[in-house]
């Protein structure tokens, strides 16, 4: 049983190149150069003598990113509470205060964790 039917047998199909403009060709060349540089232009990185310092630096970096997200949420929560006070919408006000509280918790996550763990 054949699933695909062929109308004509022994028909050679010709392939043709897809049209590619100058902008696309230039963008592809830039992409190829970037991939080549990232693949073969790597630098040798030597480990430090103190692995705990590396872990602490990574921890500080990640908590810095988390703090930035928390500050953004804190600002958005303040805007949401302000808009809810203007429109007298209690559900929007509740969402604003929850966003505000979440932003405060996320902003001070590192301090909260150090307080819990001691």
Protein backbone atom coordinates (compact mmCIF):
# COMPACT_ATOMS: atom_id res chain seq x y z
CA UNK A 1 0.00 0.00 0.00
CA UNK A 2 1.42 3.34 -1.03
CA UNK A 3 0.71 6.32 1.13
CA UNK A 4 1.96 8.98 -1.25
CA UNK A 5 0.95 8.86 -4.87
CA UNK A 6 3.21 10.08 -7.60
CA UNK A 7 1.53 11.33 -10.73
CA UNK A 8 4.49 11.00 -13.03
CA UNK A 9 7.36 8.57 -12.76
CA UNK A 10 11.00 9.43 -13.36
CA UNK A 11 10.44 13.16 -13.31
CA UNK A 12 13.52 15.14 -12.34
CA UNK A 13 12.79 18.18 -10.28
CA UNK A 14 15.13 21.07 -10.61
CA UNK A 15 16.20 22.96 -7.55
CA UNK A 16 16.78 26.67 -7.59
CA UNK A 17 18.29 29.07 -5.12
CA UNK A 18 15.97 31.17 -3.07
CA UNK A 19 16.26 34.87 -3.78
CA UNK A 20 18.37 36.60 -1.15
CA UNK A 21 18.78 40.35 -1.16
CA UNK A 22 21.83 42.35 -0.14
CA UNK A 23 20.50 43.13 3.34
CA UNK A 24 19.76 39.51 4.13
CA UNK A 25 23.13 38.40 2.76
CA UNK A 26 24.91 41.06 4.84
CA UNK A 27 22.96 40.09 7.99
CA UNK A 28 23.79 36.43 7.42
CA UNK A 29 27.47 37.28 7.01
CA UNK A 30 27.46 39.24 10.29
CA UNK A 31 25.70 36.34 12.03
CA UNK A 32 28.25 33.86 10.65
CA UNK A 33 31.17 36.03 11.83
CA UNK A 34 29.67 36.35 15.32
CA UNK A 35 29.14 32.58 15.57
CA UNK A 36 32.68 31.97 14.31
CA UNK A 37 34.16 34.41 16.84
CA UNK A 38 32.17 32.91 19.71
CA UNK A 39 33.19 29.39 18.71
CA UNK A 40 36.86 29.78 17.88
CA UNK A 41 37.77 33.07 19.55
CA UNK A 42 37.37 31.88 23.10
CA UNK A 43 39.79 32.78 25.83
CA UNK A 44 41.29 30.40 28.33
CA UNK A 45 39.89 31.05 31.77
CA UNK A 46 41.84 29.92 34.80
CA UNK A 47 40.15 29.08 38.07
CA UNK A 48 40.92 31.03 41.18
CA UNK A 49 42.58 29.47 44.18
CA UNK A 50 39.53 30.10 46.38
CA UNK A 51 36.35 28.42 45.05
CA UNK A 52 34.22 29.90 47.84
CA UNK A 53 34.95 33.41 46.55
CA UNK A 54 33.64 32.41 43.13
CA UNK A 55 30.43 31.06 44.64
CA UNK A 56 30.01 34.22 46.72
CA UNK A 57 30.53 36.43 43.66
CA UNK A 58 27.93 34.43 41.71
CA UNK A 59 25.54 34.62 44.65
CA UNK A 60 25.97 38.39 44.88
CA UNK A 61 25.37 38.74 41.14
CA UNK A 62 22.19 36.63 41.20
CA UNK A 63 20.83 38.43 44.26
CA UNK A 64 21.58 41.74 42.51
CA UNK A 65 19.42 40.64 39.59
CA UNK A 66 16.67 39.54 41.97
CA UNK A 67 16.88 42.89 43.76
CA UNK A 68 16.47 44.70 40.41
CA UNK A 69 13.34 42.69 39.62
CA UNK A 70 12.02 43.42 43.10
CA UNK A 71 12.57 47.16 42.63
CA UNK A 72 10.69 47.05 39.32
CA UNK A 73 7.80 45.24 41.01
CA UNK A 74 7.90 47.73 43.86
CA UNK A 75 7.57 50.64 41.43
CA UNK A 76 4.79 48.93 39.52
CA UNK A 77 2.94 48.25 42.78
CA UNK A 78 3.16 51.92 43.76
CA UNK A 79 1.75 52.93 40.38
CA UNK A 80 -1.03 50.36 40.69
CA UNK A 81 -2.03 51.59 44.16
CA UNK A 82 -2.01 55.19 42.94
CA UNK A 83 -4.24 54.35 39.99
CA UNK A 84 -6.62 52.38 42.21
CA UNK A 85 -6.95 55.31 44.60
CA UNK A 86 -7.83 57.52 41.65
CA UNK A 87 -10.44 55.14 40.22
CA UNK A 88 -11.87 53.95 43.59
CA UNK A 89 -11.52 50.28 42.58
CA UNK A 90 -11.06 48.02 45.64
CA UNK A 91 -9.95 44.92 43.70
CA UNK A 92 -7.29 46.92 41.87
CA UNK A 93 -6.20 48.41 45.19
CA UNK A 94 -5.83 44.92 46.68
CA UNK A 95 -3.78 43.79 43.68
CA UNK A 96 -1.64 46.90 44.01
CA UNK A 97 -0.90 46.27 47.67
CA UNK A 98 -0.12 42.60 46.94
CA UNK A 99 2.29 43.64 44.17
CA UNK A 100 3.83 46.20 46.52
CA UNK A 101 4.30 43.59 49.26
CA UNK A 102 5.74 41.09 46.77
CA UNK A 103 8.17 43.71 45.52
CA UNK A 104 9.35 44.44 49.06
CA UNK A 105 9.85 40.72 49.78
CA UNK A 106 11.74 40.16 46.52
CA UNK A 107 13.86 43.29 46.99
CA UNK A 108 15.00 42.21 50.44
CA UNK A 109 15.18 38.46 49.69
CA UNK A 110 18.90 38.18 50.53
CA UNK A 111 18.48 39.92 53.87
CA UNK A 112 15.43 37.80 54.70
CA UNK A 113 17.33 34.59 53.87
CA UNK A 114 20.33 35.59 55.97
CA UNK A 115 18.00 36.47 58.85
CA UNK A 116 16.29 33.06 58.62
CA UNK A 117 19.47 30.99 58.25
CA UNK A 118 21.43 32.96 60.80
